[in-house]
Amino acid sequence: MIIWVNGAFGSGKTTLVAELRRRMPESLVYDPEQTGFVLRGVVEVPTGDFQDLPLWRSQVAGMAIGLAREYGRPVLVPMTLVDPRYAEEIFGALEAAGVTARHFFLAVTASELEARLDARVLCPDDSERDESARAWCKAQVPRCVAAADELRGGAVLLDGELPTPELADRVMAMLG
C-alpha cells in the first residue's frame, strides 16, 4: 500500500509522515523529491520544476510500485503533487499496477503556509540559497491551496492545521 501525503510546501507532510512512520515502524519512507534531485543533476530542467519531466513522473510511480511489491510493506510518500494531470499520471500508474494507493491532502490556509515558510530554514549554511528556496515555495502557495478543490477522486482532505498526533490518528483510523 502507498500512503501519499500531499499538500503545499510547509503544510506538514514530512512531519505527518514521520509520525506515521513512528506508528508503523515496518513502513518505508520514499521521498520523490530525491528522485527529482538525481534527475536535476543529470538533465536540464527547462521549467525549473522537475515534476514537469515525464521521466520524473514515471520514475516516481515505478519506484513506489517497486517498493510496495518488493518489500510488501506500507510505503509513506510525502510529496506535493498539485498538477491534476501529473497526479492522474502517477496514481493511474499505481492503479494499473494493482498497487493500492491512499491519498491524503493537508489543507492549510495561505496565511498559515506563508507564516510556516517564513519560519523555516532550508539551507542553514547558505542564506542566499535559503531565501531563494523559501521564495520559490511561497510562490507556489496559491496553486497549492487551489489544488484542494481539484483533488483526484478518492483523495481525503485533512485539516492540516490540526496537531500532528490528531492528523495521524485520523489517517490511521482511515487506513484501518
N, C-alpha and C. Protein backbone atom coordinates (compact mmCIF):
# COMPACT_ATOMS: atom_id res chain seq x y z
N MET A 1 0.84 -1.18 0.00
CA MET A 1 0.00 0.00 0.00
C MET A 1 0.88 1.24 0.00
N ILE A 2 0.49 2.20 -0.83
CA ILE A 2 1.14 3.50 -0.87
C ILE A 2 0.27 4.47 -0.08
N ILE A 3 0.87 5.20 0.83
CA ILE A 3 0.16 6.23 1.59
C ILE A 3 0.81 7.55 1.22
N TRP A 4 0.14 8.28 0.32
CA TRP A 4 0.69 9.52 -0.23
C TRP A 4 0.15 10.69 0.59
N VAL A 5 1.05 11.45 1.19
CA VAL A 5 0.66 12.63 1.95
C VAL A 5 1.04 13.85 1.12
N ASN A 6 0.01 14.55 0.68
CA ASN A 6 0.13 15.66 -0.26
C ASN A 6 -0.23 16.96 0.45
N GLY A 7 0.13 18.06 -0.16
CA GLY A 7 -0.20 19.37 0.37
C GLY A 7 0.87 20.36 -0.04
N ALA A 8 0.63 21.61 0.27
CA ALA A 8 1.56 22.68 -0.08
C ALA A 8 2.88 22.51 0.68
N PHE A 9 3.88 23.20 0.20
CA PHE A 9 5.15 23.28 0.91
C PHE A 9 4.86 23.98 2.24
N GLY A 10 5.27 23.36 3.33
CA GLY A 10 5.01 23.92 4.65
C GLY A 10 3.72 23.43 5.29
N SER A 11 3.02 22.52 4.63
CA SER A 11 1.73 22.05 5.16
C SER A 11 1.90 21.00 6.25
N GLY A 12 3.08 20.40 6.37
CA GLY A 12 3.30 19.40 7.41
C GLY A 12 3.40 17.97 6.91
N LYS A 13 3.61 17.79 5.61
CA LYS A 13 3.68 16.45 5.04
C LYS A 13 4.78 15.60 5.69
N THR A 14 5.98 16.14 5.74
CA THR A 14 7.11 15.39 6.28
C THR A 14 6.91 15.09 7.76
N THR A 15 6.36 16.05 8.48
CA THR A 15 6.11 15.87 9.91
C THR A 15 5.07 14.78 10.13
N LEU A 16 4.01 14.80 9.34
CA LEU A 16 2.98 13.77 9.47
C LEU A 16 3.53 12.40 9.10
N VAL A 17 4.31 12.33 8.03
CA VAL A 17 4.90 11.05 7.63
C VAL A 17 5.83 10.52 8.73
N ALA A 18 6.58 11.39 9.37
CA ALA A 18 7.45 10.96 10.46
C ALA A 18 6.62 10.35 11.61
N GLU A 19 5.48 10.97 11.91
CA GLU A 19 4.61 10.43 12.96
C GLU A 19 3.98 9.10 12.53
N LEU A 20 3.57 9.02 11.27
CA LEU A 20 3.01 7.75 10.77
C LEU A 20 4.08 6.66 10.80
N ARG A 21 5.29 7.01 10.45
CA ARG A 21 6.40 6.04 10.47
C ARG A 21 6.65 5.54 11.89
N ARG A 22 6.54 6.45 12.86
CA ARG A 22 6.72 6.06 14.26
C ARG A 22 5.65 5.05 14.67
N ARG A 23 4.44 5.25 14.16
CA ARG A 23 3.32 4.36 14.50
C ARG A 23 3.32 3.08 13.66
N MET A 24 3.97 3.12 12.51
CA MET A 24 4.07 1.95 11.63
C MET A 24 5.55 1.70 11.34
N PRO A 25 6.28 1.20 12.32
CA PRO A 25 7.74 1.06 12.14
C PRO A 25 8.14 0.15 10.99
N GLU A 26 7.24 -0.69 10.54
CA GLU A 26 7.54 -1.57 9.40
C GLU A 26 7.48 -0.84 8.06
N SER A 27 6.92 0.35 8.06
CA SER A 27 6.72 1.09 6.81
C SER A 27 8.05 1.62 6.26
N LEU A 28 8.03 1.92 4.97
CA LEU A 28 9.16 2.54 4.28
C LEU A 28 8.78 3.98 3.96
N VAL A 29 9.75 4.87 3.93
CA VAL A 29 9.51 6.25 3.54
C VAL A 29 10.23 6.48 2.22
N TYR A 30 9.48 6.92 1.23
CA TYR A 30 10.05 7.26 -0.08
C TYR A 30 9.72 8.71 -0.38
N ASP A 31 10.75 9.52 -0.54
CA ASP A 31 10.58 10.94 -0.86
C ASP A 31 10.91 11.16 -2.34
N PRO A 32 9.90 11.36 -3.19
CA PRO A 32 10.12 11.55 -4.62
C PRO A 32 10.97 12.78 -4.96
N GLU A 33 11.11 13.69 -4.00
CA GLU A 33 11.96 14.86 -4.25
C GLU A 33 13.40 14.40 -4.50
N GLN A 34 13.81 13.32 -3.84
CA GLN A 34 15.17 12.82 -4.06
C GLN A 34 15.35 12.36 -5.51
N THR A 35 14.32 11.77 -6.07
CA THR A 35 14.36 11.38 -7.49
C THR A 35 14.53 12.62 -8.36
N GLY A 36 13.84 13.69 -7.99
CA GLY A 36 13.97 14.95 -8.72
C GLY A 36 15.37 15.52 -8.64
N PHE A 37 15.99 15.43 -7.46
CA PHE A 37 17.35 15.94 -7.30
C PHE A 37 18.33 15.14 -8.16
N VAL A 38 18.14 13.82 -8.24
CA VAL A 38 19.00 13.00 -9.09
C VAL A 38 18.84 13.43 -10.54
N LEU A 39 17.61 13.55 -11.00
CA LEU A 39 17.38 13.94 -12.40
C LEU A 39 17.96 15.32 -12.69
N ARG A 40 17.78 16.25 -11.77
CA ARG A 40 18.29 17.61 -11.95
C ARG A 40 19.81 17.60 -12.12
N GLY A 41 20.48 16.64 -11.50
CA GLY A 41 21.93 16.52 -11.64
C GLY A 41 22.36 15.88 -12.94
N VAL A 42 21.41 15.27 -13.65
CA VAL A 42 21.73 14.56 -14.88
C VAL A 42 21.27 15.30 -16.13
N VAL A 43 20.05 15.85 -16.08
CA VAL A 43 19.48 16.53 -17.25
C VAL A 43 19.03 17.93 -16.88
N GLU A 44 18.88 18.74 -17.90
CA GLU A 44 18.38 20.10 -17.71
C GLU A 44 16.88 20.04 -17.41
N VAL A 45 16.44 20.90 -16.52
CA VAL A 45 15.02 21.01 -16.19
C VAL A 45 14.59 22.41 -16.67
N PRO A 46 14.12 22.50 -17.92
CA PRO A 46 13.85 23.81 -18.52
C PRO A 46 12.92 24.71 -17.70
N THR A 47 11.92 24.13 -17.05
CA THR A 47 10.96 24.95 -16.30
C THR A 47 11.44 25.23 -14.88
N GLY A 48 12.46 24.52 -14.42
CA GLY A 48 12.92 24.65 -13.05
C GLY A 48 12.20 23.72 -12.09
N ASP A 49 11.13 23.08 -12.54
CA ASP A 49 10.34 22.17 -11.69
C ASP A 49 10.49 20.76 -12.25
N PHE A 50 11.20 19.90 -11.51
CA PHE A 50 11.44 18.55 -12.02
C PHE A 50 10.16 17.75 -12.22
N GLN A 51 9.05 18.15 -11.59
CA GLN A 51 7.79 17.43 -11.82
C GLN A 51 7.33 17.56 -13.27
N ASP A 52 7.83 18.57 -13.97
CA ASP A 52 7.48 18.75 -15.38
C ASP A 52 8.18 17.74 -16.28
N LEU A 53 9.14 17.01 -15.76
CA LEU A 53 9.83 16.00 -16.55
C LEU A 53 9.01 14.70 -16.55
N PRO A 54 8.60 14.24 -17.72
CA PRO A 54 7.87 12.96 -17.78
C PRO A 54 8.65 11.83 -17.11
N LEU A 55 9.98 11.87 -17.22
CA LEU A 55 10.80 10.83 -16.60
C LEU A 55 10.67 10.85 -15.08
N TRP A 56 10.54 12.03 -14.47
CA TRP A 56 10.36 12.09 -13.02
C TRP A 56 9.07 11.36 -12.64
N ARG A 57 8.00 11.66 -13.35
CA ARG A 57 6.71 11.06 -13.01
C ARG A 57 6.73 9.53 -13.17
N SER A 58 7.33 9.06 -14.25
CA SER A 58 7.38 7.60 -14.45
C SER A 58 8.30 6.94 -13.43
N GLN A 59 9.39 7.59 -13.09
CA GLN A 59 10.31 7.03 -12.09
C GLN A 59 9.67 7.00 -10.71
N VAL A 60 8.93 8.05 -10.36
CA VAL A 60 8.25 8.08 -9.06
C VAL A 60 7.25 6.94 -8.96
N ALA A 61 6.43 6.78 -9.99
CA ALA A 61 5.45 5.70 -9.97
C ALA A 61 6.16 4.35 -9.92
N GLY A 62 7.18 4.19 -10.74
CA GLY A 62 7.92 2.92 -10.77
C GLY A 62 8.58 2.58 -9.45
N MET A 63 9.18 3.58 -8.80
CA MET A 63 9.83 3.34 -7.51
C MET A 63 8.80 2.97 -6.44
N ALA A 64 7.68 3.68 -6.42
CA ALA A 64 6.64 3.38 -5.43
C ALA A 64 6.09 1.97 -5.64
N ILE A 65 5.83 1.63 -6.89
CA ILE A 65 5.35 0.28 -7.20
C ILE A 65 6.38 -0.76 -6.79
N GLY A 66 7.63 -0.52 -7.15
CA GLY A 66 8.69 -1.46 -6.82
C GLY A 66 8.87 -1.66 -5.33
N LEU A 67 8.83 -0.57 -4.58
CA LEU A 67 8.97 -0.68 -3.12
C LEU A 67 7.82 -1.48 -2.51
N ALA A 68 6.61 -1.17 -2.95
CA ALA A 68 5.44 -1.86 -2.41
C ALA A 68 5.48 -3.35 -2.74
N ARG A 69 5.84 -3.68 -3.97
CA ARG A 69 5.86 -5.09 -4.39
C ARG A 69 7.04 -5.86 -3.78
N GLU A 70 8.21 -5.27 -3.86
CA GLU A 70 9.43 -5.95 -3.43
C GLU A 70 9.46 -6.21 -1.92
N TYR A 71 8.98 -5.22 -1.16
CA TYR A 71 9.11 -5.33 0.29
C TYR A 71 7.79 -5.64 1.00
N GLY A 72 6.66 -5.49 0.30
CA GLY A 72 5.38 -5.86 0.88
C GLY A 72 5.04 -5.11 2.16
N ARG A 73 5.54 -3.89 2.25
CA ARG A 73 5.30 -3.06 3.44
C ARG A 73 4.66 -1.75 3.00
N PRO A 74 3.96 -1.07 3.91
CA PRO A 74 3.40 0.23 3.54
C PRO A 74 4.52 1.20 3.14
N VAL A 75 4.25 2.00 2.13
CA VAL A 75 5.22 3.00 1.66
C VAL A 75 4.61 4.38 1.89
N LEU A 76 5.27 5.16 2.72
CA LEU A 76 4.83 6.51 3.04
C LEU A 76 5.52 7.49 2.09
N VAL A 77 4.72 8.32 1.42
CA VAL A 77 5.25 9.23 0.41
C VAL A 77 4.84 10.67 0.75
N PRO A 78 5.76 11.49 1.26
CA PRO A 78 5.45 12.90 1.50
C PRO A 78 5.83 13.71 0.26
N MET A 79 4.85 14.16 -0.51
CA MET A 79 5.21 14.89 -1.73
C MET A 79 4.07 15.78 -2.19
N THR A 80 4.41 17.03 -2.44
CA THR A 80 3.48 17.96 -3.05
C THR A 80 3.25 17.52 -4.49
N LEU A 81 1.99 17.30 -4.85
CA LEU A 81 1.63 16.91 -6.20
C LEU A 81 0.30 17.58 -6.50
N VAL A 82 0.36 18.77 -7.09
CA VAL A 82 -0.86 19.56 -7.24
C VAL A 82 -1.32 19.74 -8.69
N ASP A 83 -0.51 19.35 -9.65
CA ASP A 83 -0.96 19.42 -11.04
C ASP A 83 -1.86 18.20 -11.28
N PRO A 84 -3.15 18.42 -11.59
CA PRO A 84 -4.06 17.28 -11.73
C PRO A 84 -3.63 16.27 -12.80
N ARG A 85 -2.99 16.74 -13.87
CA ARG A 85 -2.53 15.82 -14.93
C ARG A 85 -1.43 14.91 -14.40
N TYR A 86 -0.53 15.48 -13.61
CA TYR A 86 0.57 14.70 -13.07
C TYR A 86 0.06 13.71 -12.02
N ALA A 87 -0.89 14.16 -11.21
CA ALA A 87 -1.48 13.26 -10.20
C ALA A 87 -2.17 12.09 -10.90
N GLU A 88 -2.89 12.39 -11.97
CA GLU A 88 -3.58 11.34 -12.71
C GLU A 88 -2.57 10.36 -13.29
N GLU A 89 -1.48 10.88 -13.82
CA GLU A 89 -0.45 10.03 -14.42
C GLU A 89 0.15 9.09 -13.37
N ILE A 90 0.53 9.63 -12.23
CA ILE A 90 1.18 8.82 -11.19
C ILE A 90 0.19 7.87 -10.53
N PHE A 91 -0.94 8.37 -10.07
CA PHE A 91 -1.91 7.50 -9.41
C PHE A 91 -2.51 6.50 -10.39
N GLY A 92 -2.66 6.90 -11.65
CA GLY A 92 -3.14 5.97 -12.67
C GLY A 92 -2.16 4.81 -12.87
N ALA A 93 -0.86 5.11 -12.84
CA ALA A 93 0.15 4.05 -12.98
C ALA A 93 0.11 3.11 -11.79
N LEU A 94 -0.10 3.66 -10.59
CA LEU A 94 -0.20 2.81 -9.40
C LEU A 94 -1.40 1.89 -9.51
N GLU A 95 -2.54 2.44 -9.93
CA GLU A 95 -3.75 1.63 -10.09
C GLU A 95 -3.56 0.55 -11.15
N ALA A 96 -2.97 0.95 -12.29
CA ALA A 96 -2.76 -0.01 -13.38
C ALA A 96 -1.87 -1.16 -12.94
N ALA A 97 -0.97 -0.88 -11.99
CA ALA A 97 -0.08 -1.93 -11.49
C ALA A 97 -0.73 -2.74 -10.37
N GLY A 98 -1.94 -2.37 -9.99
CA GLY A 98 -2.64 -3.10 -8.94
C GLY A 98 -2.16 -2.77 -7.53
N VAL A 99 -1.50 -1.63 -7.37
CA VAL A 99 -1.00 -1.21 -6.07
C VAL A 99 -2.01 -0.26 -5.44
N THR A 100 -2.44 -0.58 -4.23
CA THR A 100 -3.38 0.28 -3.52
C THR A 100 -2.68 1.56 -3.10
N ALA A 101 -3.32 2.68 -3.40
CA ALA A 101 -2.77 3.99 -3.01
C ALA A 101 -3.84 4.75 -2.24
N ARG A 102 -3.48 5.23 -1.07
CA ARG A 102 -4.35 6.10 -0.28
C ARG A 102 -3.74 7.49 -0.35
N HIS A 103 -4.54 8.46 -0.72
CA HIS A 103 -4.07 9.82 -0.98
C HIS A 103 -4.69 10.77 0.03
N PHE A 104 -3.83 11.41 0.82
CA PHE A 104 -4.28 12.38 1.82
C PHE A 104 -3.71 13.75 1.46
N PHE A 105 -4.53 14.77 1.57
CA PHE A 105 -4.10 16.14 1.24
C PHE A 105 -4.28 17.01 2.48
N LEU A 106 -3.20 17.66 2.90
CA LEU A 106 -3.23 18.54 4.06
C LEU A 106 -3.61 19.95 3.60
N ALA A 107 -4.82 20.36 3.94
CA ALA A 107 -5.31 21.69 3.57
C ALA A 107 -4.91 22.67 4.67
N VAL A 108 -4.20 23.72 4.28
CA VAL A 108 -3.74 24.75 5.19
C VAL A 108 -3.98 26.09 4.51
N THR A 109 -4.41 27.10 5.26
CA THR A 109 -4.68 28.41 4.67
C THR A 109 -3.38 29.03 4.15
N ALA A 110 -3.53 29.91 3.18
CA ALA A 110 -2.38 30.58 2.59
C ALA A 110 -1.60 31.37 3.64
N SER A 111 -2.30 32.06 4.51
CA SER A 111 -1.60 32.87 5.52
C SER A 111 -0.79 31.99 6.47
N GLU A 112 -1.35 30.85 6.85
CA GLU A 112 -0.62 29.93 7.74
C GLU A 112 0.58 29.34 7.02
N LEU A 113 0.42 28.98 5.74
CA LEU A 113 1.55 28.44 4.97
C LEU A 113 2.68 29.45 4.89
N GLU A 114 2.35 30.69 4.60
CA GLU A 114 3.38 31.72 4.50
C GLU A 114 4.09 31.91 5.82
N ALA A 115 3.36 31.88 6.93
CA ALA A 115 3.97 32.02 8.25
C ALA A 115 4.91 30.84 8.52
N ARG A 116 4.47 29.64 8.18
CA ARG A 116 5.32 28.46 8.39
C ARG A 116 6.57 28.53 7.53
N LEU A 117 6.41 28.95 6.28
CA LEU A 117 7.56 29.04 5.38
C LEU A 117 8.53 30.12 5.84
N ASP A 118 8.02 31.22 6.35
CA ASP A 118 8.89 32.28 6.86
C ASP A 118 9.73 31.80 8.03
N ALA A 119 9.19 30.87 8.82
CA ALA A 119 9.88 30.37 10.00
C ALA A 119 10.84 29.22 9.67
N ARG A 120 10.81 28.74 8.45
CA ARG A 120 11.56 27.56 8.05
C ARG A 120 12.97 27.93 7.59
N VAL A 121 13.93 27.09 7.93
CA VAL A 121 15.30 27.24 7.45
C VAL A 121 15.61 26.00 6.62
N LEU A 122 15.81 26.19 5.33
CA LEU A 122 16.05 25.07 4.43
C LEU A 122 17.54 24.83 4.18
N CYS A 123 18.29 25.90 4.10
CA CYS A 123 19.73 25.82 3.81
C CYS A 123 20.48 26.64 4.86
N PRO A 124 20.74 26.07 6.04
CA PRO A 124 21.31 26.85 7.14
C PRO A 124 22.68 27.44 6.86
N ASP A 125 23.44 26.84 5.97
CA ASP A 125 24.79 27.33 5.69
C ASP A 125 24.86 28.26 4.48
N ASP A 126 23.72 28.57 3.89
CA ASP A 126 23.70 29.41 2.69
C ASP A 126 22.45 30.27 2.70
N SER A 127 22.55 31.46 3.29
CA SER A 127 21.37 32.30 3.47
C SER A 127 20.76 32.73 2.13
N GLU A 128 21.56 32.95 1.12
CA GLU A 128 21.03 33.34 -0.18
C GLU A 128 20.21 32.21 -0.81
N ARG A 129 20.76 31.01 -0.75
CA ARG A 129 20.04 29.83 -1.28
C ARG A 129 18.80 29.55 -0.45
N ASP A 130 18.91 29.74 0.87
CA ASP A 130 17.78 29.53 1.77
C ASP A 130 16.64 30.47 1.40
N GLU A 131 16.94 31.73 1.20
CA GLU A 131 15.89 32.71 0.85
C GLU A 131 15.30 32.41 -0.52
N SER A 132 16.13 31.98 -1.45
CA SER A 132 15.65 31.64 -2.79
C SER A 132 14.68 30.46 -2.73
N ALA A 133 15.04 29.43 -1.97
CA ALA A 133 14.18 28.25 -1.83
C ALA A 133 12.87 28.63 -1.15
N ARG A 134 12.95 29.45 -0.12
CA ARG A 134 11.75 29.89 0.60
C ARG A 134 10.84 30.69 -0.34
N ALA A 135 11.43 31.57 -1.14
CA ALA A 135 10.65 32.39 -2.07
C ALA A 135 9.95 31.51 -3.11
N TRP A 136 10.65 30.47 -3.59
CA TRP A 136 10.04 29.57 -4.57
C TRP A 136 8.84 28.86 -3.94
N CYS A 137 9.02 28.37 -2.72
CA CYS A 137 7.92 27.67 -2.03
C CYS A 137 6.73 28.61 -1.83
N LYS A 138 7.01 29.83 -1.43
CA LYS A 138 5.93 30.80 -1.19
C LYS A 138 5.20 31.14 -2.49
N ALA A 139 5.93 31.18 -3.60
CA ALA A 139 5.29 31.47 -4.89
C ALA A 139 4.33 30.36 -5.31
N GLN A 140 4.51 29.15 -4.76
CA GLN A 140 3.65 28.02 -5.11
C GLN A 140 2.38 27.96 -4.27
N VAL A 141 2.31 28.78 -3.21
CA VAL A 141 1.18 28.70 -2.27
C VAL A 141 -0.17 28.83 -2.98
N PRO A 142 -0.40 29.82 -3.85
CA PRO A 142 -1.73 29.92 -4.45
C PRO A 142 -2.17 28.67 -5.21
N ARG A 143 -1.29 28.10 -6.01
CA ARG A 143 -1.69 26.91 -6.78
C ARG A 143 -1.85 25.69 -5.88
N CYS A 144 -1.07 25.63 -4.81
CA CYS A 144 -1.20 24.51 -3.88
C CYS A 144 -2.50 24.59 -3.09
N VAL A 145 -2.86 25.78 -2.66
CA VAL A 145 -4.12 25.96 -1.92
C VAL A 145 -5.30 25.65 -2.85
N ALA A 146 -5.22 26.13 -4.09
CA ALA A 146 -6.29 25.89 -5.05
C ALA A 146 -6.43 24.41 -5.40
N ALA A 147 -5.35 23.65 -5.30
CA ALA A 147 -5.37 22.23 -5.65
C ALA A 147 -6.34 21.44 -4.78
N ALA A 148 -6.59 21.91 -3.58
CA ALA A 148 -7.51 21.20 -2.68
C ALA A 148 -8.89 21.06 -3.31
N ASP A 149 -9.24 21.96 -4.23
CA ASP A 149 -10.55 21.91 -4.89
C ASP A 149 -10.55 21.00 -6.12
N GLU A 150 -9.38 20.51 -6.53
CA GLU A 150 -9.28 19.72 -7.75
C GLU A 150 -8.67 18.35 -7.49
N LEU A 151 -8.82 17.84 -6.28
CA LEU A 151 -8.19 16.57 -5.95
C LEU A 151 -8.80 15.42 -6.74
N ARG A 152 -7.96 14.49 -7.06
CA ARG A 152 -8.36 13.27 -7.75
C ARG A 152 -9.35 12.51 -6.86
N GLY A 153 -10.30 11.85 -7.49
CA GLY A 153 -11.28 11.06 -6.75
C GLY A 153 -10.62 10.11 -5.77
N GLY A 154 -11.18 10.03 -4.60
CA GLY A 154 -10.65 9.14 -3.58
C GLY A 154 -9.68 9.81 -2.62
N ALA A 155 -9.22 11.00 -2.96
CA ALA A 155 -8.31 11.71 -2.05
C ALA A 155 -9.08 12.17 -0.83
N VAL A 156 -8.41 12.15 0.30
CA VAL A 156 -9.01 12.57 1.56
C VAL A 156 -8.41 13.91 1.96
N LEU A 157 -9.27 14.89 2.12
CA LEU A 157 -8.85 16.23 2.53
C LEU A 157 -8.80 16.27 4.05
N LEU A 158 -7.64 16.66 4.59
CA LEU A 158 -7.46 16.76 6.04
C LEU A 158 -7.16 18.21 6.41
N ASP A 159 -7.58 18.62 7.59
CA ASP A 159 -7.28 19.95 8.10
C ASP A 159 -5.83 19.96 8.57
N GLY A 160 -4.95 20.48 7.75
CA GLY A 160 -3.52 20.49 8.04
C GLY A 160 -3.12 21.42 9.17
N GLU A 161 -4.08 22.13 9.74
CA GLU A 161 -3.77 22.99 10.86
C GLU A 161 -4.02 22.29 12.20
N LEU A 162 -4.50 21.05 12.13
CA LEU A 162 -4.67 20.26 13.36
C LEU A 162 -3.30 19.80 13.85
N PRO A 163 -3.19 19.50 15.13
CA PRO A 163 -1.92 18.96 15.63
C PRO A 163 -1.56 17.63 14.94
N THR A 164 -0.29 17.43 14.74
CA THR A 164 0.18 16.23 14.03
C THR A 164 -0.34 14.93 14.63
N PRO A 165 -0.32 14.75 15.96
CA PRO A 165 -0.85 13.48 16.50
C PRO A 165 -2.32 13.25 16.14
N GLU A 166 -3.10 14.32 16.11
CA GLU A 166 -4.51 14.18 15.74
C GLU A 166 -4.65 13.81 14.27
N LEU A 167 -3.84 14.42 13.42
CA LEU A 167 -3.86 14.07 12.00
C LEU A 167 -3.48 12.60 11.81
N ALA A 168 -2.44 12.18 12.52
CA ALA A 168 -2.01 10.78 12.42
C ALA A 168 -3.09 9.83 12.90
N ASP A 169 -3.80 10.21 13.98
CA ASP A 169 -4.92 9.39 14.46
C ASP A 169 -5.95 9.21 13.35
N ARG A 170 -6.28 10.30 12.67
CA ARG A 170 -7.29 10.26 11.61
C ARG A 170 -6.82 9.38 10.44
N VAL A 171 -5.58 9.55 10.04
CA VAL A 171 -5.07 8.73 8.93
C VAL A 171 -5.07 7.26 9.33
N MET A 172 -4.59 6.96 10.50
CA MET A 172 -4.54 5.57 10.96
C MET A 172 -5.94 4.96 11.00
N ALA A 173 -6.92 5.73 11.47
CA ALA A 173 -8.30 5.23 11.52
C ALA A 173 -8.82 4.95 10.10
N MET A 174 -8.49 5.81 9.15
CA MET A 174 -8.96 5.61 7.76
C MET A 174 -8.24 4.44 7.09
N LEU A 175 -7.02 4.17 7.52
CA LEU A 175 -6.29 3.04 6.94
C LEU A 175 -6.77 1.71 7.52
N GLY A 176 -7.41 1.79 8.70
CA GLY A 176 -7.92 0.56 9.32
C GLY A 176 -6.80 -0.12 10.04
